[in-house]
Amino acid sequence: MKLTDTIALVLKSKDKSRVLSATPDQSVYEAIEKMALESVGALLVISDGKLVGILSERDYARKVILKGHSSREILVRDIMTSSVLYVSPVQTSEECMAVMTENRVRHLLVIDSGKLIGLVSIGDLVKDIISEQKFIIQQLEHYITG
């Protein structure tokens, strides 16, 4: 992957193509438990088939732990982030990283013609960039050694 590759290529390279979700009426504990089980840092919040927000580990840390709430008693709707940022599959990895940096977020939805096609994290982008750098290093080493 290169910074100029589209985010669609990042989605293709991801191990997990499914997007995990929670409902607004679930307890935060249930949602965090699901995140831990699936080894993810965020869940989309879906109500009646519609996206209503995103719940991240950051939401949990700042809105539950630091405020002294109980994750078993507070609901996802009470701490989720309602405004969810998204990109299109034709945007580049570089553009997506800029959006993440500017807005201080770690996850972006990928929407194509109004339809959710995936979710990318800063980790997904970094993983692919490292992979590309390793490939370039191998090519240079091969070139140098003949």
N, C-alpha and C. Protein backbone atom coordinates (compact mmCIF):
# COMPACT_ATOMS: atom_id res chain seq x y z
N MET A 1 0.83 -1.18 0.00
CA MET A 1 0.00 0.00 0.00
C MET A 1 0.87 1.24 0.00
N LYS A 2 0.40 2.25 -0.65
CA LYS A 2 1.07 3.54 -0.66
C LYS A 2 0.10 4.58 -0.13
N LEU A 3 0.62 5.69 0.34
CA LEU A 3 -0.25 6.74 0.85
C LEU A 3 -1.20 7.26 -0.22
N THR A 4 -0.84 7.03 -1.48
CA THR A 4 -1.70 7.49 -2.57
C THR A 4 -2.70 6.43 -3.01
N ASP A 5 -2.63 5.23 -2.45
CA ASP A 5 -3.63 4.20 -2.76
C ASP A 5 -4.97 4.58 -2.15
N THR A 6 -6.02 4.05 -2.72
CA THR A 6 -7.35 4.36 -2.19
C THR A 6 -7.65 3.54 -0.94
N ILE A 7 -8.59 4.05 -0.17
CA ILE A 7 -8.98 3.37 1.05
C ILE A 7 -9.68 2.05 0.74
N ALA A 8 -10.21 1.92 -0.47
CA ALA A 8 -10.83 0.66 -0.89
C ALA A 8 -9.81 -0.48 -0.84
N LEU A 9 -8.56 -0.18 -1.19
CA LEU A 9 -7.51 -1.20 -1.12
C LEU A 9 -7.21 -1.62 0.31
N VAL A 10 -7.29 -0.68 1.23
CA VAL A 10 -7.08 -0.99 2.64
C VAL A 10 -8.18 -1.92 3.12
N LEU A 11 -9.41 -1.64 2.73
CA LEU A 11 -10.53 -2.51 3.13
C LEU A 11 -10.35 -3.92 2.59
N LYS A 12 -9.87 -4.04 1.37
CA LYS A 12 -9.65 -5.37 0.77
C LYS A 12 -8.59 -6.16 1.54
N SER A 13 -7.61 -5.46 2.09
CA SER A 13 -6.50 -6.14 2.76
C SER A 13 -6.81 -6.50 4.21
N LYS A 14 -7.90 -5.96 4.74
CA LYS A 14 -8.24 -6.23 6.14
C LYS A 14 -8.67 -7.69 6.31
N ASP A 15 -8.28 -8.26 7.45
CA ASP A 15 -8.66 -9.63 7.75
C ASP A 15 -10.17 -9.74 7.97
N LYS A 16 -10.72 -8.76 8.68
CA LYS A 16 -12.14 -8.80 9.01
C LYS A 16 -12.89 -7.81 8.13
N SER A 17 -13.77 -8.32 7.29
CA SER A 17 -14.52 -7.43 6.43
C SER A 17 -15.83 -6.98 7.08
N ARG A 18 -16.25 -7.68 8.12
CA ARG A 18 -17.52 -7.31 8.77
C ARG A 18 -17.31 -6.16 9.74
N VAL A 19 -18.36 -5.39 9.89
CA VAL A 19 -18.33 -4.25 10.80
C VAL A 19 -19.17 -4.62 12.01
N LEU A 20 -18.59 -4.52 13.18
CA LEU A 20 -19.27 -4.90 14.42
C LEU A 20 -20.07 -3.75 14.97
N SER A 21 -21.17 -4.09 15.67
CA SER A 21 -22.04 -3.02 16.16
C SER A 21 -22.64 -3.35 17.52
N ALA A 22 -23.23 -2.31 18.10
CA ALA A 22 -23.97 -2.41 19.35
C ALA A 22 -25.27 -1.64 19.13
N THR A 23 -26.20 -1.78 20.08
CA THR A 23 -27.42 -1.00 20.01
C THR A 23 -27.36 0.10 21.07
N PRO A 24 -28.11 1.16 20.90
CA PRO A 24 -28.09 2.25 21.88
C PRO A 24 -28.58 1.82 23.26
N ASP A 25 -29.41 0.77 23.31
CA ASP A 25 -30.01 0.33 24.57
C ASP A 25 -29.18 -0.72 25.31
N GLN A 26 -28.08 -1.14 24.73
CA GLN A 26 -27.20 -2.09 25.42
C GLN A 26 -26.45 -1.36 26.54
N SER A 27 -26.06 -2.14 27.54
CA SER A 27 -25.21 -1.55 28.56
C SER A 27 -23.82 -1.34 27.98
N VAL A 28 -23.14 -0.36 28.49
CA VAL A 28 -21.77 -0.10 28.05
C VAL A 28 -20.90 -1.32 28.34
N TYR A 29 -21.17 -2.00 29.44
CA TYR A 29 -20.40 -3.19 29.80
C TYR A 29 -20.49 -4.24 28.68
N GLU A 30 -21.71 -4.48 28.18
CA GLU A 30 -21.88 -5.46 27.10
C GLU A 30 -21.10 -5.06 25.85
N ALA A 31 -21.14 -3.77 25.54
CA ALA A 31 -20.43 -3.29 24.35
C ALA A 31 -18.91 -3.41 24.52
N ILE A 32 -18.41 -3.04 25.68
CA ILE A 32 -16.96 -3.14 25.93
C ILE A 32 -16.53 -4.60 25.94
N GLU A 33 -17.36 -5.45 26.48
CA GLU A 33 -17.08 -6.89 26.48
C GLU A 33 -16.96 -7.41 25.04
N LYS A 34 -17.85 -6.96 24.17
CA LYS A 34 -17.80 -7.35 22.76
C LYS A 34 -16.53 -6.84 22.09
N MET A 35 -16.15 -5.59 22.40
CA MET A 35 -14.91 -5.04 21.84
C MET A 35 -13.72 -5.89 22.25
N ALA A 36 -13.68 -6.27 23.52
CA ALA A 36 -12.56 -7.08 24.02
C ALA A 36 -12.54 -8.45 23.35
N LEU A 37 -13.70 -9.06 23.23
CA LEU A 37 -13.81 -10.39 22.62
C LEU A 37 -13.36 -10.36 21.15
N GLU A 38 -13.71 -9.30 20.46
CA GLU A 38 -13.39 -9.19 19.03
C GLU A 38 -12.07 -8.47 18.76
N SER A 39 -11.41 -7.99 19.80
CA SER A 39 -10.14 -7.25 19.67
C SER A 39 -10.27 -6.03 18.76
N VAL A 40 -11.31 -5.22 19.01
CA VAL A 40 -11.50 -4.00 18.25
C VAL A 40 -11.61 -2.82 19.22
N GLY A 41 -11.41 -1.63 18.71
CA GLY A 41 -11.43 -0.44 19.55
C GLY A 41 -12.68 0.39 19.42
N ALA A 42 -13.62 -0.04 18.56
CA ALA A 42 -14.86 0.72 18.39
C ALA A 42 -15.95 -0.16 17.82
N LEU A 43 -17.18 0.21 18.12
CA LEU A 43 -18.36 -0.44 17.56
C LEU A 43 -19.26 0.63 16.97
N LEU A 44 -19.86 0.32 15.84
CA LEU A 44 -20.89 1.21 15.32
C LEU A 44 -22.13 1.02 16.18
N VAL A 45 -22.91 2.07 16.34
CA VAL A 45 -24.15 1.98 17.10
C VAL A 45 -25.29 2.04 16.09
N ILE A 46 -26.06 0.95 16.05
CA ILE A 46 -27.13 0.79 15.06
C ILE A 46 -28.47 0.68 15.78
N SER A 47 -29.45 1.45 15.33
CA SER A 47 -30.80 1.39 15.88
C SER A 47 -31.79 1.26 14.73
N ASP A 48 -32.60 0.23 14.76
CA ASP A 48 -33.58 -0.01 13.70
C ASP A 48 -32.94 0.01 12.31
N GLY A 49 -31.76 -0.59 12.20
CA GLY A 49 -31.06 -0.68 10.92
C GLY A 49 -30.37 0.59 10.48
N LYS A 50 -30.39 1.62 11.31
CA LYS A 50 -29.76 2.89 10.93
C LYS A 50 -28.59 3.20 11.86
N LEU A 51 -27.55 3.76 11.27
CA LEU A 51 -26.38 4.19 12.04
C LEU A 51 -26.76 5.42 12.85
N VAL A 52 -26.54 5.35 14.17
CA VAL A 52 -26.84 6.50 15.03
C VAL A 52 -25.61 7.01 15.77
N GLY A 53 -24.49 6.30 15.65
CA GLY A 53 -23.28 6.75 16.32
C GLY A 53 -22.19 5.71 16.29
N ILE A 54 -21.15 5.99 17.07
CA ILE A 54 -20.02 5.08 17.22
C ILE A 54 -19.61 5.12 18.69
N LEU A 55 -19.22 3.97 19.19
CA LEU A 55 -18.75 3.86 20.57
C LEU A 55 -17.30 3.38 20.52
N SER A 56 -16.41 4.15 21.13
CA SER A 56 -15.00 3.80 21.11
C SER A 56 -14.48 3.61 22.53
N GLU A 57 -13.32 3.01 22.62
CA GLU A 57 -12.67 2.87 23.92
C GLU A 57 -12.43 4.25 24.54
N ARG A 58 -12.18 5.23 23.72
CA ARG A 58 -11.97 6.60 24.19
C ARG A 58 -13.25 7.14 24.84
N ASP A 59 -14.41 6.87 24.23
CA ASP A 59 -15.68 7.28 24.84
C ASP A 59 -15.82 6.65 26.23
N TYR A 60 -15.49 5.37 26.31
CA TYR A 60 -15.59 4.65 27.58
C TYR A 60 -14.68 5.26 28.64
N ALA A 61 -13.44 5.48 28.26
CA ALA A 61 -12.47 6.01 29.22
C ALA A 61 -12.86 7.39 29.72
N ARG A 62 -13.30 8.24 28.82
CA ARG A 62 -13.59 9.63 29.18
C ARG A 62 -14.97 9.86 29.78
N LYS A 63 -15.94 9.05 29.38
CA LYS A 63 -17.32 9.32 29.79
C LYS A 63 -17.86 8.34 30.83
N VAL A 64 -17.12 7.28 31.09
CA VAL A 64 -17.55 6.33 32.12
C VAL A 64 -16.54 6.30 33.25
N ILE A 65 -15.35 5.85 32.97
CA ILE A 65 -14.31 5.68 33.99
C ILE A 65 -13.98 6.99 34.69
N LEU A 66 -13.65 8.01 33.91
CA LEU A 66 -13.25 9.29 34.52
C LEU A 66 -14.38 10.00 35.25
N LYS A 67 -15.61 9.67 34.90
CA LYS A 67 -16.76 10.31 35.56
C LYS A 67 -17.33 9.45 36.68
N GLY A 68 -16.72 8.30 36.92
CA GLY A 68 -17.13 7.45 38.02
C GLY A 68 -18.44 6.71 37.80
N HIS A 69 -18.85 6.53 36.56
CA HIS A 69 -20.08 5.79 36.26
C HIS A 69 -19.83 4.29 36.27
N SER A 70 -20.89 3.53 36.36
CA SER A 70 -20.80 2.07 36.28
C SER A 70 -21.13 1.63 34.86
N SER A 71 -20.25 0.87 34.25
CA SER A 71 -20.47 0.43 32.87
C SER A 71 -21.64 -0.55 32.77
N ARG A 72 -22.01 -1.17 33.87
CA ARG A 72 -23.15 -2.09 33.85
C ARG A 72 -24.48 -1.34 33.91
N GLU A 73 -24.46 -0.10 34.37
CA GLU A 73 -25.69 0.66 34.54
C GLU A 73 -25.92 1.71 33.46
N ILE A 74 -24.86 2.22 32.87
CA ILE A 74 -24.99 3.26 31.85
C ILE A 74 -25.18 2.61 30.48
N LEU A 75 -25.98 3.25 29.64
CA LEU A 75 -26.28 2.71 28.31
C LEU A 75 -25.36 3.30 27.25
N VAL A 76 -25.21 2.56 26.16
CA VAL A 76 -24.39 3.00 25.04
C VAL A 76 -24.84 4.38 24.56
N ARG A 77 -26.15 4.61 24.48
CA ARG A 77 -26.67 5.90 23.99
C ARG A 77 -26.16 7.09 24.82
N ASP A 78 -25.84 6.84 26.09
CA ASP A 78 -25.42 7.91 26.99
C ASP A 78 -23.99 8.37 26.76
N ILE A 79 -23.18 7.52 26.12
CA ILE A 79 -21.77 7.90 25.95
C ILE A 79 -21.27 7.85 24.51
N MET A 80 -22.08 7.34 23.59
CA MET A 80 -21.62 7.20 22.19
C MET A 80 -21.38 8.58 21.57
N THR A 81 -20.60 8.59 20.52
CA THR A 81 -20.38 9.78 19.73
C THR A 81 -21.39 9.75 18.59
N SER A 82 -22.25 10.75 18.53
CA SER A 82 -23.33 10.75 17.54
C SER A 82 -22.87 11.19 16.15
N SER A 83 -21.96 12.12 16.09
CA SER A 83 -21.49 12.58 14.78
C SER A 83 -20.32 11.70 14.34
N VAL A 84 -20.57 10.92 13.30
CA VAL A 84 -19.58 9.95 12.83
C VAL A 84 -18.98 10.46 11.53
N LEU A 85 -17.66 10.50 11.49
CA LEU A 85 -16.96 10.93 10.28
C LEU A 85 -16.86 9.78 9.29
N TYR A 86 -16.91 10.12 8.01
CA TYR A 86 -16.79 9.08 7.00
C TYR A 86 -16.01 9.59 5.79
N VAL A 87 -15.54 8.64 5.01
CA VAL A 87 -14.82 8.92 3.78
C VAL A 87 -15.40 8.04 2.68
N SER A 88 -15.02 8.34 1.45
CA SER A 88 -15.45 7.50 0.33
C SER A 88 -14.31 6.54 -0.02
N PRO A 89 -14.62 5.43 -0.67
CA PRO A 89 -13.58 4.45 -0.98
C PRO A 89 -12.52 4.95 -1.95
N VAL A 90 -12.78 6.05 -2.64
CA VAL A 90 -11.78 6.57 -3.59
C VAL A 90 -10.80 7.54 -2.95
N GLN A 91 -11.05 7.90 -1.70
CA GLN A 91 -10.09 8.78 -1.03
C GLN A 91 -8.82 8.00 -0.72
N THR A 92 -7.70 8.72 -0.67
CA THR A 92 -6.42 8.07 -0.44
C THR A 92 -6.19 7.83 1.05
N SER A 93 -5.27 6.95 1.33
CA SER A 93 -4.88 6.70 2.71
C SER A 93 -4.34 7.97 3.35
N GLU A 94 -3.62 8.75 2.57
CA GLU A 94 -3.06 10.01 3.07
C GLU A 94 -4.19 10.98 3.47
N GLU A 95 -5.22 11.07 2.64
CA GLU A 95 -6.35 11.93 2.96
C GLU A 95 -7.06 11.45 4.23
N CYS A 96 -7.21 10.15 4.36
CA CYS A 96 -7.88 9.58 5.53
C CYS A 96 -7.06 9.83 6.80
N MET A 97 -5.76 9.70 6.70
CA MET A 97 -4.91 9.99 7.86
C MET A 97 -5.01 11.46 8.25
N ALA A 98 -5.12 12.33 7.26
CA ALA A 98 -5.27 13.76 7.54
C ALA A 98 -6.60 14.04 8.25
N VAL A 99 -7.68 13.40 7.81
CA VAL A 99 -8.98 13.56 8.45
C VAL A 99 -8.92 13.08 9.89
N MET A 100 -8.28 11.93 10.10
CA MET A 100 -8.16 11.38 11.45
C MET A 100 -7.35 12.31 12.35
N THR A 101 -6.25 12.82 11.83
CA THR A 101 -5.38 13.70 12.61
C THR A 101 -6.08 15.02 12.94
N GLU A 102 -6.70 15.62 11.93
CA GLU A 102 -7.40 16.89 12.11
C GLU A 102 -8.51 16.80 13.15
N ASN A 103 -9.23 15.71 13.11
CA ASN A 103 -10.40 15.55 13.98
C ASN A 103 -10.12 14.73 15.24
N ARG A 104 -8.89 14.31 15.38
CA ARG A 104 -8.48 13.52 16.55
C ARG A 104 -9.36 12.30 16.77
N VAL A 105 -9.56 11.54 15.69
CA VAL A 105 -10.32 10.30 15.75
C VAL A 105 -9.45 9.15 15.27
N ARG A 106 -9.83 7.96 15.65
CA ARG A 106 -9.05 6.77 15.29
C ARG A 106 -9.80 5.85 14.34
N HIS A 107 -11.05 6.19 14.02
CA HIS A 107 -11.88 5.34 13.16
C HIS A 107 -12.65 6.19 12.16
N LEU A 108 -12.76 5.69 10.94
CA LEU A 108 -13.55 6.34 9.90
C LEU A 108 -14.43 5.31 9.21
N LEU A 109 -15.68 5.68 8.99
CA LEU A 109 -16.56 4.85 8.19
C LEU A 109 -16.19 5.05 6.73
N VAL A 110 -16.40 4.03 5.93
CA VAL A 110 -16.21 4.15 4.49
C VAL A 110 -17.59 3.94 3.87
N ILE A 111 -18.08 4.97 3.20
CA ILE A 111 -19.42 4.94 2.63
C ILE A 111 -19.33 5.17 1.13
N ASP A 112 -20.04 4.31 0.38
CA ASP A 112 -20.07 4.39 -1.07
C ASP A 112 -21.53 4.48 -1.51
N SER A 113 -21.89 5.55 -2.19
CA SER A 113 -23.26 5.78 -2.66
C SER A 113 -24.29 5.61 -1.54
N GLY A 114 -23.96 6.16 -0.38
CA GLY A 114 -24.88 6.12 0.75
C GLY A 114 -24.90 4.81 1.52
N LYS A 115 -24.08 3.84 1.11
CA LYS A 115 -24.07 2.53 1.76
C LYS A 115 -22.75 2.32 2.50
N LEU A 116 -22.85 1.86 3.74
CA LEU A 116 -21.67 1.55 4.53
C LEU A 116 -20.97 0.33 3.95
N ILE A 117 -19.69 0.48 3.61
CA ILE A 117 -18.96 -0.67 3.08
C ILE A 117 -17.82 -1.12 3.98
N GLY A 118 -17.54 -0.34 5.03
CA GLY A 118 -16.49 -0.74 5.94
C GLY A 118 -16.13 0.32 6.95
N LEU A 119 -15.18 -0.04 7.79
CA LEU A 119 -14.67 0.84 8.84
C LEU A 119 -13.16 0.66 8.85
N VAL A 120 -12.43 1.76 8.84
CA VAL A 120 -10.96 1.68 8.92
C VAL A 120 -10.49 2.41 10.17
N SER A 121 -9.46 1.86 10.75
CA SER A 121 -8.86 2.48 11.93
C SER A 121 -7.48 3.01 11.56
N ILE A 122 -6.95 3.84 12.43
CA ILE A 122 -5.59 4.34 12.22
C ILE A 122 -4.62 3.16 12.19
N GLY A 123 -4.93 2.13 12.97
CA GLY A 123 -4.10 0.92 12.98
C GLY A 123 -4.08 0.23 11.63
N ASP A 124 -5.22 0.19 10.94
CA ASP A 124 -5.28 -0.41 9.61
C ASP A 124 -4.37 0.34 8.65
N LEU A 125 -4.40 1.66 8.72
CA LEU A 125 -3.57 2.47 7.83
C LEU A 125 -2.09 2.29 8.14
N VAL A 126 -1.75 2.32 9.41
CA VAL A 126 -0.35 2.17 9.81
C VAL A 126 0.17 0.78 9.41
N LYS A 127 -0.64 -0.24 9.62
CA LYS A 127 -0.24 -1.61 9.26
C LYS A 127 0.09 -1.72 7.77
N ASP A 128 -0.76 -1.13 6.94
CA ASP A 128 -0.51 -1.20 5.51
C ASP A 128 0.69 -0.37 5.08
N ILE A 129 0.91 0.76 5.73
CA ILE A 129 2.08 1.58 5.40
C ILE A 129 3.36 0.85 5.77
N ILE A 130 3.37 0.20 6.92
CA ILE A 130 4.55 -0.58 7.34
C ILE A 130 4.80 -1.71 6.36
N SER A 131 3.74 -2.36 5.92
CA SER A 131 3.87 -3.45 4.95
C SER A 131 4.50 -2.94 3.65
N GLU A 132 4.07 -1.80 3.19
CA GLU A 132 4.63 -1.20 1.97
C GLU A 132 6.09 -0.84 2.17
N GLN A 133 6.44 -0.30 3.34
CA GLN A 133 7.82 0.06 3.61
C GLN A 133 8.72 -1.18 3.63
N LYS A 134 8.23 -2.27 4.21
CA LYS A 134 9.01 -3.52 4.22
C LYS A 134 9.26 -4.00 2.80
N PHE A 135 8.24 -3.91 1.95
CA PHE A 135 8.37 -4.32 0.56
C PHE A 135 9.43 -3.47 -0.15
N ILE A 136 9.39 -2.17 0.06
CA ILE A 136 10.36 -1.26 -0.58
C ILE A 136 11.78 -1.58 -0.10
N ILE A 137 11.93 -1.85 1.19
CA ILE A 137 13.25 -2.19 1.74
C ILE A 137 13.77 -3.48 1.10
N GLN A 138 12.91 -4.47 0.96
CA GLN A 138 13.31 -5.74 0.33
C GLN A 138 13.74 -5.51 -1.11
N GLN A 139 13.00 -4.68 -1.83
CA GLN A 139 13.34 -4.37 -3.22
C GLN A 139 14.68 -3.66 -3.32
N LEU A 140 14.92 -2.71 -2.41
CA LEU A 140 16.19 -1.99 -2.41
C LEU A 140 17.35 -2.92 -2.07
N GLU A 141 17.14 -3.79 -1.09
CA GLU A 141 18.19 -4.75 -0.72
C GLU A 141 18.50 -5.68 -1.90
N HIS A 142 17.46 -6.11 -2.58
CA HIS A 142 17.65 -6.99 -3.75
C HIS A 142 18.40 -6.24 -4.85
N TYR A 143 18.07 -4.98 -5.06
CA TYR A 143 18.73 -4.17 -6.08
C TYR A 143 20.21 -3.97 -5.75
N ILE A 144 20.50 -3.69 -4.46
CA ILE A 144 21.86 -3.42 -4.04
C ILE A 144 22.74 -4.68 -4.13
N THR A 145 22.16 -5.80 -3.73
CA THR A 145 22.96 -7.05 -3.73
C THR A 145 22.98 -7.71 -5.11
N GLY A 146 22.20 -7.21 -6.05
CA GLY A 146 22.24 -7.66 -7.42
C GLY A 146 21.50 -8.90 -7.64
